Amino acid sequence: MSDQAPLLKVIANARPDLQTDTEHVLHLPELCPMTQNPKPGSTLTLKYRAGANLLELFSLDAYIDAFVGHPVVRDMEFFVQTVAEDAANALAQEVTAVAEVRYNRLRQGQRIVVVALGK
């Protein structure tokens, strides 16, 4: 669990009896002030089958913003793993995180996929 995990809130699912697949598509801010990475257009998608709870939208934005300038963002794989695990733990169920990351000063991007089970 990251230091930012307490920022991540859930809300009750009003219709847990209905199969609901949820995707949150987050446009990533510039997380590293030194490299100014990731570049605009980078996204992080969180996917899960809604159970008793859903991720709360405003807290999800605040949670991601809390990583700006944090050492974990020096390694985008670690950042995506951390977000996936925190979200899965908050929901107590499996979450898939898919990052499409573009970088400054590189002619490449990254697609990172992490599946976290939640506790």
PDB file of N, CA and C in Angstrom:
ATOM      1  N   MET A   1       0.855  -1.174   0.000  1.00  0.00           N
ATOM      2  CA  MET A   1       0.000   0.000   0.000  1.00  0.00           C
ATOM      3  C   MET A   1       0.901   1.237   0.000  1.00  0.00           C
ATOM      4  N   SER A   2       0.565   2.180  -0.887  1.00  0.00           N
ATOM      5  CA  SER A   2       1.364   3.396  -0.985  1.00  0.00           C
ATOM      6  C   SER A   2       0.922   4.433   0.048  1.00  0.00           C
ATOM      7  N   ASP A   3       1.745   5.457   0.213  1.00  0.00           N
ATOM      8  CA  ASP A   3       1.386   6.576   1.093  1.00  0.00           C
ATOM      9  C   ASP A   3       0.133   7.290   0.596  1.00  0.00           C
ATOM     10  N   GLN A   4      -0.109   7.217  -0.713  1.00  0.00           N
ATOM     11  CA  GLN A   4      -1.253   7.896  -1.321  1.00  0.00           C
ATOM     12  C   GLN A   4      -2.546   7.086  -1.202  1.00  0.00           C
ATOM     13  N   ALA A   5      -2.467   5.815  -0.877  1.00  0.00           N
ATOM     14  CA  ALA A   5      -3.636   4.925  -0.850  1.00  0.00           C
ATOM     15  C   ALA A   5      -4.821   5.474  -0.060  1.00  0.00           C
ATOM     16  N   PRO A   6      -4.612   6.115   1.110  1.00  0.00           N
ATOM     17  CA  PRO A   6      -5.766   6.640   1.844  1.00  0.00           C
ATOM     18  C   PRO A   6      -6.580   7.697   1.081  1.00  0.00           C
ATOM     19  N   LEU A   7      -5.985   8.307   0.062  1.00  0.00           N
ATOM     20  CA  LEU A   7      -6.719   9.292  -0.746  1.00  0.00           C
ATOM     21  C   LEU A   7      -7.761   8.639  -1.645  1.00  0.00           C
ATOM     22  N   LEU A   8      -7.576   7.358  -1.931  1.00  0.00           N
ATOM     23  CA  LEU A   8      -8.446   6.641  -2.858  1.00  0.00           C
ATOM     24  C   LEU A   8      -9.706   6.170  -2.139  1.00  0.00           C
ATOM     25  N   LYS A   9     -10.828   6.728  -2.505  1.00  0.00           N
ATOM     26  CA  LYS A   9     -12.108   6.419  -1.849  1.00  0.00           C
ATOM     27  C   LYS A   9     -13.006   5.600  -2.776  1.00  0.00           C
ATOM     28  N   VAL A  10     -13.946   4.914  -2.185  1.00  0.00           N
ATOM     29  CA  VAL A  10     -14.951   4.172  -2.943  1.00  0.00           C
ATOM     30  C   VAL A  10     -16.336   4.674  -2.560  1.00  0.00           C
ATOM     31  N   ILE A  11     -17.274   4.445  -3.462  1.00  0.00           N
ATOM     32  CA  ILE A  11     -18.680   4.732  -3.181  1.00  0.00           C
ATOM     33  C   ILE A  11     -19.472   3.448  -3.389  1.00  0.00           C
ATOM     34  N   ALA A  12     -20.612   3.362  -2.743  1.00  0.00           N
ATOM     35  CA  ALA A  12     -21.455   2.169  -2.874  1.00  0.00           C
ATOM     36  C   ALA A  12     -22.012   2.068  -4.288  1.00  0.00           C
ATOM     37  N   ASN A  13     -22.017   0.868  -4.811  1.00  0.00           N
ATOM     38  CA  ASN A  13     -22.625   0.587  -6.106  1.00  0.00           C
ATOM     39  C   ASN A  13     -24.125   0.459  -5.890  1.00  0.00           C
ATOM     40  N   ALA A  14     -24.901   1.334  -6.494  1.00  0.00           N
ATOM     41  CA  ALA A  14     -26.355   1.343  -6.314  1.00  0.00           C
ATOM     42  C   ALA A  14     -27.014   0.086  -6.876  1.00  0.00           C
ATOM     43  N   ARG A  15     -26.371  -0.569  -7.857  1.00  0.00           N
ATOM     44  CA  ARG A  15     -26.955  -1.767  -8.475  1.00  0.00           C
ATOM     45  C   ARG A  15     -25.940  -2.899  -8.557  1.00  0.00           C
ATOM     46  N   PRO A  16     -25.497  -3.413  -7.414  1.00  0.00           N
ATOM     47  CA  PRO A  16     -24.504  -4.492  -7.453  1.00  0.00           C
ATOM     48  C   PRO A  16     -25.035  -5.778  -8.077  1.00  0.00           C
ATOM     49  N   ASP A  17     -26.350  -5.874  -8.240  1.00  0.00           N
ATOM     50  CA  ASP A  17     -26.960  -7.053  -8.837  1.00  0.00           C
ATOM     51  C   ASP A  17     -26.769  -7.098 -10.360  1.00  0.00           C
ATOM     52  N   LEU A  18     -26.400  -5.970 -10.967  1.00  0.00           N
ATOM     53  CA  LEU A  18     -26.179  -5.916 -12.409  1.00  0.00           C
ATOM     54  C   LEU A  18     -24.690  -6.047 -12.712  1.00  0.00           C
ATOM     55  N   GLN A  19     -24.361  -6.875 -13.699  1.00  0.00           N
ATOM     56  CA  GLN A  19     -22.956  -6.996 -14.111  1.00  0.00           C
ATOM     57  C   GLN A  19     -22.545  -5.681 -14.760  1.00  0.00           C
ATOM     58  N   THR A  20     -21.598  -4.990 -14.143  1.00  0.00           N
ATOM     59  CA  THR A  20     -21.154  -3.677 -14.622  1.00  0.00           C
ATOM     60  C   THR A  20     -19.639  -3.674 -14.730  1.00  0.00           C
ATOM     61  N   ASP A  21     -19.149  -3.557 -15.968  1.00  0.00           N
ATOM     62  CA  ASP A  21     -17.716  -3.436 -16.194  1.00  0.00           C
ATOM     63  C   ASP A  21     -17.392  -1.948 -16.279  1.00  0.00           C
ATOM     64  N   THR A  22     -16.438  -1.522 -15.461  1.00  0.00           N
ATOM     65  CA  THR A  22     -16.116  -0.104 -15.327  1.00  0.00           C
ATOM     66  C   THR A  22     -14.694   0.157 -15.799  1.00  0.00           C
ATOM     67  N   GLU A  23     -14.518   1.259 -16.520  1.00  0.00           N
ATOM     68  CA  GLU A  23     -13.191   1.710 -16.932  1.00  0.00           C
ATOM     69  C   GLU A  23     -13.065   3.193 -16.612  1.00  0.00           C
ATOM     70  N   HIS A  24     -12.007   3.537 -15.916  1.00  0.00           N
ATOM     71  CA  HIS A  24     -11.671   4.942 -15.652  1.00  0.00           C
ATOM     72  C   HIS A  24     -10.471   5.256 -16.543  1.00  0.00           C
ATOM     73  N   VAL A  25     -10.605   6.228 -17.432  1.00  0.00           N
ATOM     74  CA  VAL A  25      -9.511   6.635 -18.304  1.00  0.00           C
ATOM     75  C   VAL A  25      -8.974   7.958 -17.767  1.00  0.00           C
ATOM     76  N   LEU A  26      -7.771   7.898 -17.211  1.00  0.00           N
ATOM     77  CA  LEU A  26      -7.150   9.072 -16.592  1.00  0.00           C
ATOM     78  C   LEU A  26      -6.100   9.642 -17.529  1.00  0.00           C
ATOM     79  N   HIS A  27      -6.185  10.923 -17.798  1.00  0.00           N
ATOM     80  CA  HIS A  27      -5.160  11.613 -18.571  1.00  0.00           C
ATOM     81  C   HIS A  27      -4.079  12.012 -17.567  1.00  0.00           C
ATOM     82  N   LEU A  28      -2.905  11.417 -17.724  1.00  0.00           N
ATOM     83  CA  LEU A  28      -1.858  11.592 -16.724  1.00  0.00           C
ATOM     84  C   LEU A  28      -1.260  12.998 -16.768  1.00  0.00           C
ATOM     85  N   PRO A  29      -1.068  13.588 -15.598  1.00  0.00           N
ATOM     86  CA  PRO A  29      -0.364  14.865 -15.535  1.00  0.00           C
ATOM     87  C   PRO A  29       1.135  14.627 -15.694  1.00  0.00           C
ATOM     88  N   GLU A  30       1.882  15.689 -15.815  1.00  0.00           N
ATOM     89  CA  GLU A  30       3.337  15.605 -15.804  1.00  0.00           C
ATOM     90  C   GLU A  30       3.729  15.204 -14.382  1.00  0.00           C
ATOM     91  N   LEU A  31       4.198  13.987 -14.212  1.00  0.00           N
ATOM     92  CA  LEU A  31       4.481  13.452 -12.888  1.00  0.00           C
ATOM     93  C   LEU A  31       5.900  13.751 -12.411  1.00  0.00           C
ATOM     94  N   CYS A  32       6.844  13.870 -13.344  1.00  0.00           N
ATOM     95  CA  CYS A  32       8.239  14.127 -12.986  1.00  0.00           C
ATOM     96  C   CYS A  32       8.633  15.537 -13.418  1.00  0.00           C
ATOM     97  N   PRO A  33       8.850  16.449 -12.466  1.00  0.00           N
ATOM     98  CA  PRO A  33       9.219  17.820 -12.818  1.00  0.00           C
ATOM     99  C   PRO A  33      10.576  17.927 -13.526  1.00  0.00           C
ATOM    100  N   MET A  34      11.481  16.976 -13.272  1.00  0.00           N
ATOM    101  CA  MET A  34      12.818  17.014 -13.893  1.00  0.00           C
ATOM    102  C   MET A  34      12.735  16.714 -15.395  1.00  0.00           C
ATOM    103  N   THR A  35      12.099  15.612 -15.759  1.00  0.00           N
ATOM    104  CA  THR A  35      12.047  15.184 -17.165  1.00  0.00           C
ATOM    105  C   THR A  35      10.800  15.665 -17.879  1.00  0.00           C
ATOM    106  N   GLN A  36       9.846  16.169 -17.123  1.00  0.00           N
ATOM    107  CA  GLN A  36       8.545  16.589 -17.639  1.00  0.00           C
ATOM    108  C   GLN A  36       7.804  15.422 -18.307  1.00  0.00           C
ATOM    109  N   ASN A  37       7.996  14.245 -17.725  1.00  0.00           N
ATOM    110  CA  ASN A  37       7.310  13.052 -18.200  1.00  0.00           C
ATOM    111  C   ASN A  37       6.219  12.653 -17.224  1.00  0.00           C
ATOM    112  N   PRO A  38       5.222  11.969 -17.689  1.00  0.00           N
ATOM    113  CA  PRO A  38       4.978  11.600 -19.070  1.00  0.00           C
ATOM    114  C   PRO A  38       4.480  12.797 -19.896  1.00  0.00           C
ATOM    115  N   LYS A  39       4.589  12.646 -21.215  1.00  0.00           N
ATOM    116  CA  LYS A  39       4.142  13.700 -22.117  1.00  0.00           C
ATOM    117  C   LYS A  39       2.617  13.779 -22.126  1.00  0.00           C
ATOM    118  N   PRO A  40       2.079  14.935 -22.489  1.00  0.00           N
ATOM    119  CA  PRO A  40       0.631  15.035 -22.673  1.00  0.00           C
ATOM    120  C   PRO A  40       0.142  13.966 -23.658  1.00  0.00           C
ATOM    121  N   GLY A  41      -1.023  13.452 -23.401  1.00  0.00           N
ATOM    122  CA  GLY A  41      -1.589  12.371 -24.211  1.00  0.00           C
ATOM    123  C   GLY A  41      -1.398  11.009 -23.582  1.00  0.00           C
ATOM    124  N   SER A  42      -0.601  10.940 -22.515  1.00  0.00           N
ATOM    125  CA  SER A  42      -0.406   9.675 -21.797  1.00  0.00           C
ATOM    126  C   SER A  42      -1.640   9.396 -20.935  1.00  0.00           C
ATOM    127  N   THR A  43      -2.051   8.145 -20.905  1.00  0.00           N
ATOM    128  CA  THR A  43      -3.249   7.772 -20.145  1.00  0.00           C
ATOM    129  C   THR A  43      -2.992   6.557 -19.269  1.00  0.00           C
ATOM    130  N   LEU A  44      -3.838   6.433 -18.270  1.00  0.00           N
ATOM    131  CA  LEU A  44      -3.862   5.257 -17.404  1.00  0.00           C
ATOM    132  C   LEU A  44      -5.321   4.845 -17.285  1.00  0.00           C
ATOM    133  N   THR A  45      -5.623   3.616 -17.691  1.00  0.00           N
ATOM    134  CA  THR A  45      -6.986   3.102 -17.630  1.00  0.00           C
ATOM    135  C   THR A  45      -7.071   2.045 -16.543  1.00  0.00           C
ATOM    136  N   LEU A  46      -8.028   2.201 -15.649  1.00  0.00           N
ATOM    137  CA  LEU A  46      -8.293   1.210 -14.608  1.00  0.00           C
ATOM    138  C   LEU A  46      -9.581   0.491 -14.976  1.00  0.00           C
ATOM    139  N   LYS A  47      -9.515  -0.844 -15.043  1.00  0.00           N
ATOM    140  CA  LYS A  47     -10.669  -1.658 -15.444  1.00  0.00           C
ATOM    141  C   LYS A  47     -11.003  -2.632 -14.325  1.00  0.00           C
ATOM    142  N   TYR A  48     -12.297  -2.749 -14.049  1.00  0.00           N
ATOM    143  CA  TYR A  48     -12.732  -3.724 -13.057  1.00  0.00           C
ATOM    144  C   TYR A  48     -14.218  -4.015 -13.242  1.00  0.00           C
ATOM    145  N   ARG A  49     -14.650  -5.157 -12.735  1.00  0.00           N
ATOM    146  CA  ARG A  49     -16.069  -5.501 -12.704  1.00  0.00           C
ATOM    147  C   ARG A  49     -16.598  -5.004 -11.374  1.00  0.00           C
ATOM    148  N   ALA A  50     -17.538  -4.079 -11.434  1.00  0.00           N
ATOM    149  CA  ALA A  50     -18.069  -3.462 -10.216  1.00  0.00           C
ATOM    150  C   ALA A  50     -18.732  -4.515  -9.334  1.00  0.00           C
ATOM    151  N   GLY A  51     -18.379  -4.462  -8.061  1.00  0.00           N
ATOM    152  CA  GLY A  51     -19.005  -5.311  -7.057  1.00  0.00           C
ATOM    153  C   GLY A  51     -19.832  -4.415  -6.149  1.00  0.00           C
ATOM    154  N   ALA A  52     -19.573  -4.497  -4.862  1.00  0.00           N
ATOM    155  CA  ALA A  52     -20.313  -3.686  -3.894  1.00  0.00           C
ATOM    156  C   ALA A  52     -19.943  -2.207  -3.994  1.00  0.00           C
ATOM    157  N   ASN A  53     -18.726  -1.924  -4.505  1.00  0.00           N
ATOM    158  CA  ASN A  53     -18.240  -0.536  -4.537  1.00  0.00           C
ATOM    159  C   ASN A  53     -17.693  -0.154  -5.903  1.00  0.00           C
ATOM    160  N   LEU A  54     -17.573   1.161  -6.079  1.00  0.00           N
ATOM    161  CA  LEU A  54     -16.969   1.767  -7.266  1.00  0.00           C
ATOM    162  C   LEU A  54     -15.912   2.757  -6.791  1.00  0.00           C
ATOM    163  N   LEU A  55     -14.894   2.996  -7.619  1.00  0.00           N
ATOM    164  CA  LEU A  55     -13.933   4.035  -7.283  1.00  0.00           C
ATOM    165  C   LEU A  55     -14.597   5.396  -7.410  1.00  0.00           C
ATOM    166  N   GLU A  56     -14.358   6.266  -6.443  1.00  0.00           N
ATOM    167  CA  GLU A  56     -14.939   7.615  -6.444  1.00  0.00           C
ATOM    168  C   GLU A  56     -14.079   8.510  -7.339  1.00  0.00           C
ATOM    169  N   LEU A  57     -14.715   9.176  -8.303  1.00  0.00           N
ATOM    170  CA  LEU A  57     -13.999   9.909  -9.349  1.00  0.00           C
ATOM    171  C   LEU A  57     -13.095  11.022  -8.827  1.00  0.00           C
ATOM    172  N   PHE A  58     -13.594  11.867  -7.955  1.00  0.00           N
ATOM    173  CA  PHE A  58     -12.805  13.004  -7.488  1.00  0.00           C
ATOM    174  C   PHE A  58     -11.599  12.553  -6.664  1.00  0.00           C
ATOM    175  N   SER A  59     -11.786  11.520  -5.855  1.00  0.00           N
ATOM    176  CA  SER A  59     -10.652  11.025  -5.064  1.00  0.00           C
ATOM    177  C   SER A  59      -9.619  10.361  -5.971  1.00  0.00           C
ATOM    178  N   LEU A  60     -10.057   9.748  -7.057  1.00  0.00           N
ATOM    179  CA  LEU A  60      -9.129   9.130  -7.999  1.00  0.00           C
ATOM    180  C   LEU A  60      -8.229  10.191  -8.636  1.00  0.00           C
ATOM    181  N   ASP A  61      -8.795  11.330  -9.006  1.00  0.00           N
ATOM    182  CA  ASP A  61      -7.983  12.441  -9.533  1.00  0.00           C
ATOM    183  C   ASP A  61      -6.992  12.945  -8.479  1.00  0.00           C
ATOM    184  N   ALA A  62      -7.464  13.146  -7.253  1.00  0.00           N
ATOM    185  CA  ALA A  62      -6.589  13.633  -6.174  1.00  0.00           C
ATOM    186  C   ALA A  62      -5.477  12.626  -5.880  1.00  0.00           C
ATOM    187  N   TYR A  63      -5.816  11.353  -5.929  1.00  0.00           N
ATOM    188  CA  TYR A  63      -4.845  10.282  -5.697  1.00  0.00           C
ATOM    189  C   TYR A  63      -3.729  10.342  -6.742  1.00  0.00           C
ATOM    190  N   ILE A  64      -4.078  10.436  -8.015  1.00  0.00           N
ATOM    191  CA  ILE A  64      -3.072  10.505  -9.085  1.00  0.00           C
ATOM    192  C   ILE A  64      -2.238  11.773  -8.936  1.00  0.00           C
ATOM    193  N   ASP A  65      -2.880  12.902  -8.646  1.00  0.00           N
ATOM    194  CA  ASP A  65      -2.149  14.166  -8.481  1.00  0.00           C
ATOM    195  C   ASP A  65      -1.138  14.095  -7.334  1.00  0.00           C
ATOM    196  N   ALA A  66      -1.398  13.263  -6.338  1.00  0.00           N
ATOM    197  CA  ALA A  66      -0.485  13.139  -5.198  1.00  0.00           C
ATOM    198  C   ALA A  66       0.856  12.508  -5.591  1.00  0.00           C
ATOM    199  N   PHE A  67       0.931  11.922  -6.770  1.00  0.00           N
ATOM    200  CA  PHE A  67       2.181  11.322  -7.239  1.00  0.00           C
ATOM    201  C   PHE A  67       3.081  12.325  -7.956  1.00  0.00           C
ATOM    202  N   VAL A  68       2.613  13.528  -8.226  1.00  0.00           N
ATOM    203  CA  VAL A  68       3.439  14.525  -8.913  1.00  0.00           C
ATOM    204  C   VAL A  68       4.681  14.802  -8.065  1.00  0.00           C
ATOM    205  N   GLY A  69       5.844  14.578  -8.654  1.00  0.00           N
ATOM    206  CA  GLY A  69       7.102  14.807  -7.957  1.00  0.00           C
ATOM    207  C   GLY A  69       7.500  13.711  -6.978  1.00  0.00           C
ATOM    208  N   HIS A  70       6.705  12.671  -6.843  1.00  0.00           N
ATOM    209  CA  HIS A  70       6.994  11.572  -5.912  1.00  0.00           C
ATOM    210  C   HIS A  70       8.045  10.638  -6.531  1.00  0.00           C
ATOM    211  N   PRO A  71       8.948  10.073  -5.737  1.00  0.00           N
ATOM    212  CA  PRO A  71       9.999   9.197  -6.284  1.00  0.00           C
ATOM    213  C   PRO A  71       9.480   7.978  -7.059  1.00  0.00           C
ATOM    214  N   VAL A  72       8.268   7.511  -6.759  1.00  0.00           N
ATOM    215  CA  VAL A  72       7.750   6.309  -7.427  1.00  0.00           C
ATOM    216  C   VAL A  72       7.601   6.525  -8.937  1.00  0.00           C
ATOM    217  N   VAL A  73       7.463   7.771  -9.384  1.00  0.00           N
ATOM    218  CA  VAL A  73       7.226   8.019 -10.810  1.00  0.00           C
ATOM    219  C   VAL A  73       8.502   7.954 -11.641  1.00  0.00           C
ATOM    220  N   ARG A  74       9.656   7.787 -11.010  1.00  0.00           N
ATOM    221  CA  ARG A  74      10.898   7.613 -11.775  1.00  0.00           C
ATOM    222  C   ARG A  74      10.870   6.299 -12.543  1.00  0.00           C
ATOM    223  N   ASP A  75      10.030   5.388 -12.153  1.00  0.00           N
ATOM    224  CA  ASP A  75       9.882   4.080 -12.783  1.00  0.00           C
ATOM    225  C   ASP A  75       8.392   3.914 -13.102  1.00  0.00           C
ATOM    226  N   MET A  76       8.012   4.116 -14.361  1.00  0.00           N
ATOM    227  CA  MET A  76       6.586   4.088 -14.707  1.00  0.00           C
ATOM    228  C   MET A  76       5.953   2.721 -14.461  1.00  0.00           C
ATOM    229  N   GLU A  77       6.739   1.645 -14.604  1.00  0.00           N
ATOM    230  CA  GLU A  77       6.178   0.324 -14.296  1.00  0.00           C
ATOM    231  C   GLU A  77       5.777   0.250 -12.824  1.00  0.00           C
ATOM    232  N   PHE A  78       6.654   0.753 -11.952  1.00  0.00           N
ATOM    233  CA  PHE A  78       6.371   0.744 -10.518  1.00  0.00           C
ATOM    234  C   PHE A  78       5.160   1.623 -10.208  1.00  0.00           C
ATOM    235  N   PHE A  79       5.051   2.768 -10.854  1.00  0.00           N
ATOM    236  CA  PHE A  79       3.901   3.647 -10.667  1.00  0.00           C
ATOM    237  C   PHE A  79       2.603   2.917 -11.033  1.00  0.00           C
ATOM    238  N   VAL A  80       2.576   2.265 -12.189  1.00  0.00           N
ATOM    239  CA  VAL A  80       1.355   1.567 -12.637  1.00  0.00           C
ATOM    240  C   VAL A  80       1.054   0.392 -11.711  1.00  0.00           C
ATOM    241  N   GLN A  81       2.083  -0.333 -11.282  1.00  0.00           N
ATOM    242  CA  GLN A  81       1.869  -1.425 -10.332  1.00  0.00           C
ATOM    243  C   GLN A  81       1.273  -0.911  -9.025  1.00  0.00           C
ATOM    244  N   THR A  82       1.787   0.211  -8.551  1.00  0.00           N
ATOM    245  CA  THR A  82       1.307   0.799  -7.294  1.00  0.00           C
ATOM    246  C   THR A  82      -0.150   1.218  -7.413  1.00  0.00           C
ATOM    247  N   VAL A  83      -0.497   1.891  -8.496  1.00  0.00           N
ATOM    248  CA  VAL A  83      -1.879   2.341  -8.698  1.00  0.00           C
ATOM    249  C   VAL A  83      -2.810   1.137  -8.802  1.00  0.00           C
ATOM    250  N   ALA A  84      -2.415   0.121  -9.555  1.00  0.00           N
ATOM    251  CA  ALA A  84      -3.251  -1.078  -9.700  1.00  0.00           C
ATOM    252  C   ALA A  84      -3.495  -1.741  -8.347  1.00  0.00           C
ATOM    253  N   GLU A  85      -2.435  -1.891  -7.574  1.00  0.00           N
ATOM    254  CA  GLU A  85      -2.563  -2.544  -6.257  1.00  0.00           C
ATOM    255  C   GLU A  85      -3.416  -1.716  -5.296  1.00  0.00           C
ATOM    256  N   ASP A  86      -3.197  -0.408  -5.252  1.00  0.00           N
ATOM    257  CA  ASP A  86      -4.001   0.436  -4.360  1.00  0.00           C
ATOM    258  C   ASP A  86      -5.480   0.398  -4.742  1.00  0.00           C
ATOM    259  N   ALA A  87      -5.773   0.448  -6.044  1.00  0.00           N
ATOM    260  CA  ALA A  87      -7.173   0.404  -6.491  1.00  0.00           C
ATOM    261  C   ALA A  87      -7.799  -0.952  -6.174  1.00  0.00           C
ATOM    262  N   ALA A  88      -7.066  -2.030  -6.419  1.00  0.00           N
ATOM    263  CA  ALA A  88      -7.585  -3.371  -6.129  1.00  0.00           C
ATOM    264  C   ALA A  88      -7.844  -3.545  -4.636  1.00  0.00           C
ATOM    265  N   ASN A  89      -6.952  -3.024  -3.805  1.00  0.00           N
ATOM    266  CA  ASN A  89      -7.155  -3.115  -2.358  1.00  0.00           C
ATOM    267  C   ASN A  89      -8.338  -2.267  -1.907  1.00  0.00           C
ATOM    268  N   ALA A  90      -8.500  -1.089  -2.485  1.00  0.00           N
ATOM    269  CA  ALA A  90      -9.640  -0.229  -2.115  1.00  0.00           C
ATOM    270  C   ALA A  90     -10.965  -0.894  -2.462  1.00  0.00           C
ATOM    271  N   LEU A  91     -10.999  -1.588  -3.602  1.00  0.00           N
ATOM    272  CA  LEU A  91     -12.233  -2.243  -4.056  1.00  0.00           C
ATOM    273  C   LEU A  91     -12.375  -3.667  -3.518  1.00  0.00           C
ATOM    274  N   ALA A  92     -11.283  -4.232  -3.013  1.00  0.00           N
ATOM    275  CA  ALA A  92     -11.241  -5.629  -2.569  1.00  0.00           C
ATOM    276  C   ALA A  92     -11.608  -6.574  -3.710  1.00  0.00           C
ATOM    277  N   GLN A  93     -11.052  -6.280  -4.881  1.00  0.00           N
ATOM    278  CA  GLN A  93     -11.283  -7.142  -6.043  1.00  0.00           C
ATOM    279  C   GLN A  93     -10.241  -6.863  -7.119  1.00  0.00           C
ATOM    280  N   GLU A  94     -10.234  -7.668  -8.147  1.00  0.00           N
ATOM    281  CA  GLU A  94      -9.248  -7.563  -9.220  1.00  0.00           C
ATOM    282  C   GLU A  94      -9.417  -6.274 -10.020  1.00  0.00           C
ATOM    283  N   VAL A  95      -8.285  -5.628 -10.299  1.00  0.00           N
ATOM    284  CA  VAL A  95      -8.241  -4.425 -11.132  1.00  0.00           C
ATOM    285  C   VAL A  95      -7.115  -4.592 -12.142  1.00  0.00           C
ATOM    286  N   THR A  96      -7.399  -4.238 -13.382  1.00  0.00           N
ATOM    287  CA  THR A  96      -6.371  -4.206 -14.420  1.00  0.00           C
ATOM    288  C   THR A  96      -6.061  -2.753 -14.719  1.00  0.00           C
ATOM    289  N   ALA A  97      -4.786  -2.410 -14.690  1.00  0.00           N
ATOM    290  CA  ALA A  97      -4.328  -1.060 -15.025  1.00  0.00           C
ATOM    291  C   ALA A  97      -3.557  -1.143 -16.341  1.00  0.00           C
ATOM    292  N   VAL A  98      -3.933  -0.279 -17.284  1.00  0.00           N
ATOM    293  CA  VAL A  98      -3.262  -0.224 -18.586  1.00  0.00           C
ATOM    294  C   VAL A  98      -2.787   1.207 -18.798  1.00  0.00           C
ATOM    295  N   ALA A  99      -1.467   1.380 -18.887  1.00  0.00           N
ATOM    296  CA  ALA A  99      -0.898   2.707 -19.119  1.00  0.00           C
ATOM    297  C   ALA A  99      -0.386   2.787 -20.552  1.00  0.00           C
ATOM    298  N   GLU A 100      -0.718   3.877 -21.217  1.00  0.00           N
ATOM    299  CA  GLU A 100      -0.171   4.210 -22.533  1.00  0.00           C
ATOM    300  C   GLU A 100       0.656   5.464 -22.293  1.00  0.00           C
ATOM    301  N   VAL A 101       1.984   5.297 -22.244  1.00  0.00           N
ATOM    302  CA  VAL A 101       2.864   6.373 -21.796  1.00  0.00           C
ATOM    303  C   VAL A 101       3.729   6.869 -22.957  1.00  0.00           C
ATOM    304  N   ARG A 102       3.747   8.181 -23.119  1.00  0.00           N
ATOM    305  CA  ARG A 102       4.610   8.846 -24.093  1.00  0.00           C
ATOM    306  C   ARG A 102       5.664   9.624 -23.316  1.00  0.00           C
ATOM    307  N   TYR A 103       6.890   9.668 -23.867  1.00  0.00           N
ATOM    308  CA  TYR A 103       8.008  10.275 -23.155  1.00  0.00           C
ATOM    309  C   TYR A 103       8.651  11.409 -23.943  1.00  0.00           C
ATOM    310  N   ASN A 104       9.163  12.378 -23.211  1.00  0.00           N
ATOM    311  CA  ASN A 104      10.005  13.418 -23.798  1.00  0.00           C
ATOM    312  C   ASN A 104      11.390  12.835 -24.050  1.00  0.00           C
ATOM    313  N   ARG A 105      12.047  13.331 -25.074  1.00  0.00           N
ATOM    314  CA  ARG A 105      13.425  12.963 -25.411  1.00  0.00           C
ATOM    315  C   ARG A 105      13.604  11.488 -25.767  1.00  0.00           C
ATOM    316  N   LEU A 106      12.529  10.785 -26.044  1.00  0.00           N
ATOM    317  CA  LEU A 106      12.607   9.402 -26.505  1.00  0.00           C
ATOM    318  C   LEU A 106      11.712   9.240 -27.732  1.00  0.00           C
ATOM    319  N   ARG A 107      12.113   8.373 -28.654  1.00  0.00           N
ATOM    320  CA  ARG A 107      11.299   8.099 -29.824  1.00  0.00           C
ATOM    321  C   ARG A 107      10.441   6.858 -29.595  1.00  0.00           C
ATOM    322  N   GLN A 108      10.056   6.653 -28.371  1.00  0.00           N
ATOM    323  CA  GLN A 108       9.269   5.473 -28.045  1.00  0.00           C
ATOM    324  C   GLN A 108       8.273   5.800 -26.939  1.00  0.00           C
ATOM    325  N   GLY A 109       7.326   4.934 -26.821  1.00  0.00           N
ATOM    326  CA  GLY A 109       6.375   5.005 -25.723  1.00  0.00           C
ATOM    327  C   GLY A 109       6.349   3.641 -25.051  1.00  0.00           C
ATOM    328  N   GLN A 110       5.468   3.505 -24.086  1.00  0.00           N
ATOM    329  CA  GLN A 110       5.324   2.237 -23.378  1.00  0.00           C
ATOM    330  C   GLN A 110       3.862   1.937 -23.183  1.00  0.00           C
ATOM    331  N   ARG A 111       3.534   0.675 -23.268  1.00  0.00           N
ATOM    332  CA  ARG A 111       2.224   0.181 -22.860  1.00  0.00           C
ATOM    333  C   ARG A 111       2.494  -0.781 -21.714  1.00  0.00           C
ATOM    334  N   ILE A 112       1.959  -0.455 -20.554  1.00  0.00           N
ATOM    335  CA  ILE A 112       2.199  -1.248 -19.347  1.00  0.00           C
ATOM    336  C   ILE A 112       0.862  -1.786 -18.874  1.00  0.00           C
ATOM    337  N   VAL A 113       0.774  -3.102 -18.675  1.00  0.00           N
ATOM    338  CA  VAL A 113      -0.450  -3.742 -18.206  1.00  0.00           C
ATOM    339  C   VAL A 113      -0.145  -4.473 -16.908  1.00  0.00           C
ATOM    340  N   VAL A 114      -0.919  -4.161 -15.865  1.00  0.00           N
ATOM    341  CA  VAL A 114      -0.745  -4.777 -14.553  1.00  0.00           C
ATOM    342  C   VAL A 114      -2.096  -5.279 -14.061  1.00  0.00           C
ATOM    343  N   VAL A 115      -2.125  -6.501 -13.568  1.00  0.00           N
ATOM    344  CA  VAL A 115      -3.342  -7.063 -12.960  1.00  0.00           C
ATOM    345  C   VAL A 115      -3.042  -7.249 -11.477  1.00  0.00           C
ATOM    346  N   ALA A 116      -3.850  -6.598 -10.637  1.00  0.00           N
ATOM    347  CA  ALA A 116      -3.712  -6.717  -9.182  1.00  0.00           C
ATOM    348  C   ALA A 116      -4.976  -7.342  -8.628  1.00  0.00           C
ATOM    349  N   LEU A 117      -4.829  -8.232  -7.672  1.00  0.00           N
ATOM    350  CA  LEU A 117      -5.965  -9.003  -7.164  1.00  0.00           C
ATOM    351  C   LEU A 117      -6.733  -8.345  -6.036  1.00  0.00           C
ATOM    352  N   GLY A 118      -6.091  -7.525  -5.240  1.00  0.00           N
ATOM    353  CA  GLY A 118      -6.795  -6.884  -4.115  1.00  0.00           C
ATOM    354  C   GLY A 118      -6.898  -7.797  -2.922  1.00  0.00           C
ATOM    355  N   LYS A 119      -6.936  -7.133  -1.760  1.00  0.00           N
ATOM    356  CA  LYS A 119      -7.003  -7.885  -0.497  1.00  0.00           C
ATOM    357  C   LYS A 119      -8.265  -7.550   0.238  1.00  0.00           C
TER     358      LYS A 119
END
